[in-house]
Amino acid sequence: MSENLRQETRLPRSETLFIEVRSGYQERSQILLCSSADVSANGVSAHIDDALPLDAIYQLCVQLQDAQERLYLAVQVKWLRPDEAGAGFYVGLEVLESDGTDVDKWKLHIADLLQA
C-alpha cells in the first residue's frame, strides 16, 4: 500500500518507537530506536537508519509523548523509501489487530488526538 492511500487521517506526531527487529529467544535481541513522523489509527510512519524487509512483522513499543505510558503493538512493514534529503529510510508500518497487544488503547489514543 502506498503511503498516500491511507483512508484515515494522519497526524504529524513524534512518538518514540522501539521496534524489536530481532527477538532474544535464540540470539541477542535487537531493538531499533526511532521517532514517528506521523500516526493514524491503523499505521505509523517513521524515519529509520537501516532498511527493513517489506511485509515483515515486528513488535513495536510506542512511548506516548503526552503520557507516561507505553503501548505494545504488532506492526507490518507496508512500504519503504530512501530519504532523498539524507541518510536512512522512511518506513510505513501498519498496526495489526493482534491478541495480547494494546491495539484498542492505540486507537483510543488516536481518537483522543483527533478530538483535541
N, C-alpha and C. Protein backbone atom coordinates (compact mmCIF):
# COMPACT_ATOMS: atom_id res chain seq x y z
N MET A 1 0.85 -1.17 0.00
CA MET A 1 0.00 0.00 0.00
C MET A 1 0.89 1.23 0.00
N SER A 2 0.60 2.15 -0.86
CA SER A 2 1.34 3.40 -0.91
C SER A 2 1.02 4.24 0.31
N GLU A 3 1.99 5.05 0.72
CA GLU A 3 1.77 5.90 1.89
C GLU A 3 0.67 6.92 1.64
N ASN A 4 0.34 7.20 0.39
CA ASN A 4 -0.69 8.19 0.08
C ASN A 4 -2.08 7.58 -0.04
N LEU A 5 -2.22 6.28 0.16
CA LEU A 5 -3.50 5.63 0.00
C LEU A 5 -4.22 5.37 1.32
N ARG A 6 -3.71 5.86 2.41
CA ARG A 6 -4.37 5.66 3.70
C ARG A 6 -5.74 6.32 3.66
N GLN A 7 -6.71 5.66 4.28
CA GLN A 7 -8.06 6.19 4.30
C GLN A 7 -8.34 7.01 5.55
N GLU A 8 -7.56 6.81 6.61
CA GLU A 8 -7.80 7.56 7.83
C GLU A 8 -6.88 8.77 7.91
N THR A 9 -7.23 9.68 8.80
CA THR A 9 -6.47 10.91 8.98
C THR A 9 -5.11 10.62 9.59
N ARG A 10 -4.08 11.22 9.02
CA ARG A 10 -2.74 11.14 9.57
C ARG A 10 -2.47 12.38 10.40
N LEU A 11 -1.81 12.18 11.52
CA LEU A 11 -1.45 13.30 12.38
C LEU A 11 0.06 13.40 12.47
N PRO A 12 0.63 14.56 12.18
CA PRO A 12 2.06 14.70 12.38
C PRO A 12 2.34 14.56 13.87
N ARG A 13 3.17 13.62 14.22
CA ARG A 13 3.35 13.31 15.64
C ARG A 13 4.70 12.63 15.84
N SER A 14 5.44 13.08 16.81
CA SER A 14 6.73 12.49 17.11
C SER A 14 6.62 11.68 18.41
N GLU A 15 6.38 10.40 18.25
CA GLU A 15 6.34 9.48 19.38
C GLU A 15 7.62 8.64 19.32
N THR A 16 8.16 8.28 20.46
CA THR A 16 9.35 7.43 20.49
C THR A 16 8.92 5.99 20.22
N LEU A 17 9.60 5.36 19.26
CA LEU A 17 9.28 3.99 18.85
C LEU A 17 10.46 3.06 19.13
N PHE A 18 10.14 1.89 19.64
CA PHE A 18 11.12 0.82 19.84
C PHE A 18 10.63 -0.36 19.01
N ILE A 19 11.34 -0.69 17.93
CA ILE A 19 10.95 -1.78 17.05
C ILE A 19 11.87 -2.97 17.35
N GLU A 20 11.28 -4.09 17.75
CA GLU A 20 12.06 -5.29 18.02
C GLU A 20 12.32 -6.00 16.68
N VAL A 21 13.51 -5.76 16.11
CA VAL A 21 13.82 -6.32 14.80
C VAL A 21 14.41 -7.71 14.89
N ARG A 22 14.85 -8.10 16.10
CA ARG A 22 15.32 -9.47 16.31
C ARG A 22 14.97 -9.86 17.74
N SER A 23 14.29 -10.98 17.87
CA SER A 23 13.87 -11.46 19.17
C SER A 23 15.05 -12.06 19.93
N GLY A 24 14.96 -12.07 21.25
CA GLY A 24 16.05 -12.56 22.07
C GLY A 24 15.92 -13.99 22.52
N TYR A 25 15.11 -14.82 21.88
CA TYR A 25 14.94 -16.20 22.31
C TYR A 25 16.19 -17.02 22.05
N GLN A 26 16.65 -17.07 20.84
CA GLN A 26 17.81 -17.88 20.48
C GLN A 26 19.10 -17.07 20.36
N GLU A 27 18.96 -15.79 20.16
CA GLU A 27 20.12 -14.93 19.97
C GLU A 27 19.88 -13.61 20.69
N ARG A 28 20.83 -12.76 20.61
CA ARG A 28 20.72 -11.46 21.27
C ARG A 28 19.62 -10.61 20.61
N SER A 29 18.78 -9.98 21.42
CA SER A 29 17.72 -9.10 20.91
C SER A 29 18.34 -7.89 20.21
N GLN A 30 17.57 -7.35 19.28
CA GLN A 30 17.97 -6.11 18.64
C GLN A 30 16.76 -5.21 18.58
N ILE A 31 16.90 -4.01 19.16
CA ILE A 31 15.82 -3.03 19.19
C ILE A 31 16.25 -1.82 18.38
N LEU A 32 15.40 -1.39 17.47
CA LEU A 32 15.63 -0.20 16.66
C LEU A 32 14.88 0.95 17.32
N LEU A 33 15.60 2.01 17.68
CA LEU A 33 15.00 3.19 18.29
C LEU A 33 14.83 4.27 17.23
N CYS A 34 13.62 4.83 17.13
CA CYS A 34 13.36 5.90 16.16
C CYS A 34 12.17 6.72 16.64
N SER A 35 11.79 7.70 15.87
CA SER A 35 10.63 8.53 16.18
C SER A 35 9.65 8.50 15.02
N SER A 36 8.39 8.56 15.35
CA SER A 36 7.37 8.59 14.30
C SER A 36 7.38 9.95 13.61
N ALA A 37 7.00 9.94 12.34
CA ALA A 37 6.80 11.18 11.58
C ALA A 37 5.32 11.55 11.59
N ASP A 38 4.47 10.52 11.45
CA ASP A 38 3.04 10.71 11.58
C ASP A 38 2.40 9.42 12.06
N VAL A 39 1.18 9.56 12.59
CA VAL A 39 0.46 8.41 13.13
C VAL A 39 -0.99 8.46 12.65
N SER A 40 -1.61 7.29 12.65
CA SER A 40 -3.04 7.19 12.36
C SER A 40 -3.56 5.99 13.13
N ALA A 41 -4.86 5.76 13.08
CA ALA A 41 -5.45 4.65 13.81
C ALA A 41 -4.89 3.31 13.37
N ASN A 42 -4.49 3.20 12.12
CA ASN A 42 -4.03 1.92 11.60
C ASN A 42 -2.59 1.91 11.13
N GLY A 43 -1.83 2.96 11.45
CA GLY A 43 -0.45 2.96 10.97
C GLY A 43 0.42 4.03 11.59
N VAL A 44 1.70 3.86 11.32
CA VAL A 44 2.73 4.78 11.80
C VAL A 44 3.76 4.89 10.69
N SER A 45 4.26 6.09 10.43
CA SER A 45 5.42 6.23 9.56
C SER A 45 6.56 6.79 10.40
N ALA A 46 7.77 6.39 10.03
CA ALA A 46 8.94 6.78 10.82
C ALA A 46 10.16 6.88 9.93
N HIS A 47 11.18 7.55 10.43
CA HIS A 47 12.48 7.60 9.78
C HIS A 47 13.39 6.63 10.51
N ILE A 48 14.03 5.73 9.74
CA ILE A 48 14.91 4.72 10.32
C ILE A 48 16.26 4.75 9.61
N ASP A 49 17.29 4.25 10.28
CA ASP A 49 18.64 4.25 9.71
C ASP A 49 18.85 3.14 8.68
N ASP A 50 18.33 1.95 8.96
CA ASP A 50 18.55 0.79 8.11
C ASP A 50 17.24 0.27 7.55
N ALA A 51 17.28 -0.27 6.35
CA ALA A 51 16.08 -0.78 5.69
C ALA A 51 15.51 -1.99 6.44
N LEU A 52 14.20 -2.11 6.40
CA LEU A 52 13.51 -3.29 6.91
C LEU A 52 12.82 -3.98 5.74
N PRO A 53 12.73 -5.31 5.75
CA PRO A 53 12.10 -6.01 4.63
C PRO A 53 10.59 -5.76 4.56
N LEU A 54 10.09 -5.59 3.35
CA LEU A 54 8.66 -5.42 3.14
C LEU A 54 7.92 -6.64 3.66
N ASP A 55 6.75 -6.42 4.22
CA ASP A 55 5.84 -7.44 4.76
C ASP A 55 6.32 -8.09 6.06
N ALA A 56 7.50 -7.73 6.54
CA ALA A 56 7.97 -8.28 7.81
C ALA A 56 7.09 -7.78 8.94
N ILE A 57 6.88 -8.63 9.95
CA ILE A 57 6.06 -8.29 11.10
C ILE A 57 6.96 -8.16 12.32
N TYR A 58 6.74 -7.07 13.07
CA TYR A 58 7.57 -6.79 14.25
C TYR A 58 6.70 -6.42 15.44
N GLN A 59 7.28 -6.54 16.62
CA GLN A 59 6.68 -6.00 17.83
C GLN A 59 7.15 -4.55 17.95
N LEU A 60 6.23 -3.66 18.28
CA LEU A 60 6.53 -2.24 18.39
C LEU A 60 6.08 -1.75 19.76
N CYS A 61 6.93 -0.98 20.41
CA CYS A 61 6.58 -0.31 21.65
C CYS A 61 6.57 1.18 21.36
N VAL A 62 5.48 1.85 21.70
CA VAL A 62 5.33 3.28 21.49
C VAL A 62 5.33 3.97 22.86
N GLN A 63 6.28 4.86 23.06
CA GLN A 63 6.31 5.69 24.27
C GLN A 63 5.53 6.96 23.95
N LEU A 64 4.35 7.08 24.53
CA LEU A 64 3.50 8.24 24.24
C LEU A 64 4.12 9.49 24.81
N GLN A 65 4.18 10.55 24.01
CA GLN A 65 4.84 11.78 24.43
C GLN A 65 4.07 12.55 25.48
N ASP A 66 2.75 12.42 25.50
CA ASP A 66 1.94 13.19 26.43
C ASP A 66 1.55 12.41 27.69
N ALA A 67 2.01 11.18 27.79
CA ALA A 67 1.64 10.35 28.95
C ALA A 67 2.82 9.48 29.33
N GLN A 68 2.84 9.07 30.54
CA GLN A 68 3.88 8.15 30.99
C GLN A 68 3.38 6.74 30.74
N GLU A 69 3.14 6.42 29.49
CA GLU A 69 2.57 5.13 29.14
C GLU A 69 3.25 4.61 27.87
N ARG A 70 3.42 3.32 27.83
CA ARG A 70 3.92 2.65 26.64
C ARG A 70 2.84 1.71 26.12
N LEU A 71 2.67 1.71 24.81
CA LEU A 71 1.72 0.81 24.17
C LEU A 71 2.51 -0.19 23.34
N TYR A 72 2.07 -1.45 23.40
CA TYR A 72 2.75 -2.53 22.68
C TYR A 72 1.85 -3.00 21.55
N LEU A 73 2.41 -2.97 20.32
CA LEU A 73 1.64 -3.27 19.12
C LEU A 73 2.39 -4.27 18.25
N ALA A 74 1.65 -4.92 17.36
CA ALA A 74 2.24 -5.71 16.29
C ALA A 74 2.08 -4.89 15.01
N VAL A 75 3.15 -4.76 14.23
CA VAL A 75 3.11 -3.96 13.01
C VAL A 75 3.72 -4.73 11.84
N GLN A 76 3.30 -4.35 10.64
CA GLN A 76 3.84 -4.95 9.43
C GLN A 76 4.37 -3.84 8.53
N VAL A 77 5.56 -4.07 7.96
CA VAL A 77 6.17 -3.10 7.05
C VAL A 77 5.39 -3.12 5.74
N LYS A 78 4.80 -1.97 5.38
CA LYS A 78 3.99 -1.87 4.17
C LYS A 78 4.70 -1.14 3.04
N TRP A 79 5.56 -0.20 3.37
CA TRP A 79 6.34 0.49 2.34
C TRP A 79 7.65 0.99 2.95
N LEU A 80 8.61 1.22 2.08
CA LEU A 80 9.93 1.69 2.48
C LEU A 80 10.47 2.53 1.34
N ARG A 81 11.01 3.71 1.67
CA ARG A 81 11.63 4.53 0.62
C ARG A 81 12.84 5.25 1.19
N PRO A 82 13.87 5.42 0.37
CA PRO A 82 15.06 6.13 0.84
C PRO A 82 14.74 7.58 1.17
N ASP A 83 15.44 8.12 2.14
CA ASP A 83 15.34 9.54 2.47
C ASP A 83 16.20 10.29 1.46
N GLU A 84 15.57 10.97 0.54
CA GLU A 84 16.31 11.65 -0.52
C GLU A 84 17.08 12.86 0.00
N ALA A 85 16.72 13.36 1.18
CA ALA A 85 17.41 14.51 1.75
C ALA A 85 18.60 14.12 2.62
N GLY A 86 18.80 12.84 2.84
CA GLY A 86 19.90 12.42 3.70
C GLY A 86 19.96 10.92 3.83
N ALA A 87 20.60 10.47 4.88
CA ALA A 87 20.76 9.03 5.10
C ALA A 87 19.49 8.43 5.68
N GLY A 88 19.35 7.15 5.51
CA GLY A 88 18.25 6.42 6.11
C GLY A 88 17.07 6.22 5.19
N PHE A 89 15.96 5.84 5.80
CA PHE A 89 14.75 5.48 5.06
C PHE A 89 13.52 5.96 5.81
N TYR A 90 12.44 6.15 5.06
CA TYR A 90 11.13 6.32 5.66
C TYR A 90 10.41 5.00 5.52
N VAL A 91 9.70 4.59 6.57
CA VAL A 91 9.02 3.31 6.59
C VAL A 91 7.57 3.52 7.00
N GLY A 92 6.68 2.77 6.37
CA GLY A 92 5.27 2.77 6.73
C GLY A 92 4.93 1.46 7.42
N LEU A 93 4.42 1.55 8.64
CA LEU A 93 4.09 0.38 9.45
C LEU A 93 2.58 0.32 9.67
N GLU A 94 1.97 -0.79 9.29
CA GLU A 94 0.55 -0.99 9.52
C GLU A 94 0.36 -1.64 10.89
N VAL A 95 -0.52 -1.06 11.70
CA VAL A 95 -0.84 -1.63 13.01
C VAL A 95 -1.79 -2.81 12.78
N LEU A 96 -1.42 -3.97 13.31
CA LEU A 96 -2.20 -5.18 13.11
C LEU A 96 -3.12 -5.44 14.31
N GLU A 97 -4.28 -6.00 14.04
CA GLU A 97 -5.17 -6.47 15.10
C GLU A 97 -4.57 -7.77 15.61
N SER A 98 -4.15 -7.78 16.86
CA SER A 98 -3.47 -8.95 17.39
C SER A 98 -3.76 -9.09 18.88
N ASP A 99 -4.07 -10.30 19.30
CA ASP A 99 -4.29 -10.57 20.73
C ASP A 99 -3.03 -10.26 21.51
N GLY A 100 -3.20 -9.81 22.72
CA GLY A 100 -2.06 -9.54 23.59
C GLY A 100 -1.35 -8.23 23.30
N THR A 101 -1.94 -7.39 22.46
CA THR A 101 -1.34 -6.08 22.17
C THR A 101 -2.28 -4.99 22.69
N ASP A 102 -1.80 -3.76 22.60
CA ASP A 102 -2.59 -2.60 23.04
C ASP A 102 -3.26 -1.89 21.87
N VAL A 103 -3.70 -2.64 20.88
CA VAL A 103 -4.28 -2.04 19.68
C VAL A 103 -5.51 -1.20 20.01
N ASP A 104 -6.34 -1.65 20.96
CA ASP A 104 -7.53 -0.87 21.32
C ASP A 104 -7.14 0.45 21.99
N LYS A 105 -6.16 0.40 22.88
CA LYS A 105 -5.67 1.63 23.52
C LYS A 105 -5.06 2.57 22.49
N TRP A 106 -4.35 2.01 21.49
CA TRP A 106 -3.76 2.82 20.43
C TRP A 106 -4.85 3.58 19.68
N LYS A 107 -5.90 2.88 19.30
CA LYS A 107 -6.98 3.52 18.54
C LYS A 107 -7.68 4.59 19.37
N LEU A 108 -7.84 4.35 20.66
CA LEU A 108 -8.41 5.37 21.54
C LEU A 108 -7.48 6.57 21.66
N HIS A 109 -6.19 6.32 21.74
CA HIS A 109 -5.20 7.40 21.79
C HIS A 109 -5.31 8.29 20.55
N ILE A 110 -5.40 7.68 19.38
CA ILE A 110 -5.51 8.44 18.12
C ILE A 110 -6.83 9.20 18.09
N ALA A 111 -7.92 8.58 18.54
CA ALA A 111 -9.21 9.27 18.58
C ALA A 111 -9.15 10.48 19.49
N ASP A 112 -8.47 10.34 20.63
CA ASP A 112 -8.32 11.48 21.54
C ASP A 112 -7.52 12.60 20.88
N LEU A 113 -6.47 12.26 20.14
CA LEU A 113 -5.67 13.27 19.45
C LEU A 113 -6.49 14.00 18.39
N LEU A 114 -7.36 13.27 17.71
CA LEU A 114 -8.19 13.89 16.67
C LEU A 114 -9.21 14.86 17.25
N GLN A 115 -9.63 14.61 18.48
CA GLN A 115 -10.63 15.48 19.10
C GLN A 115 -10.00 16.66 19.81
N ALA A 116 -8.69 16.64 19.99
CA ALA A 116 -8.01 17.73 20.71
C ALA A 116 -7.89 18.97 19.85
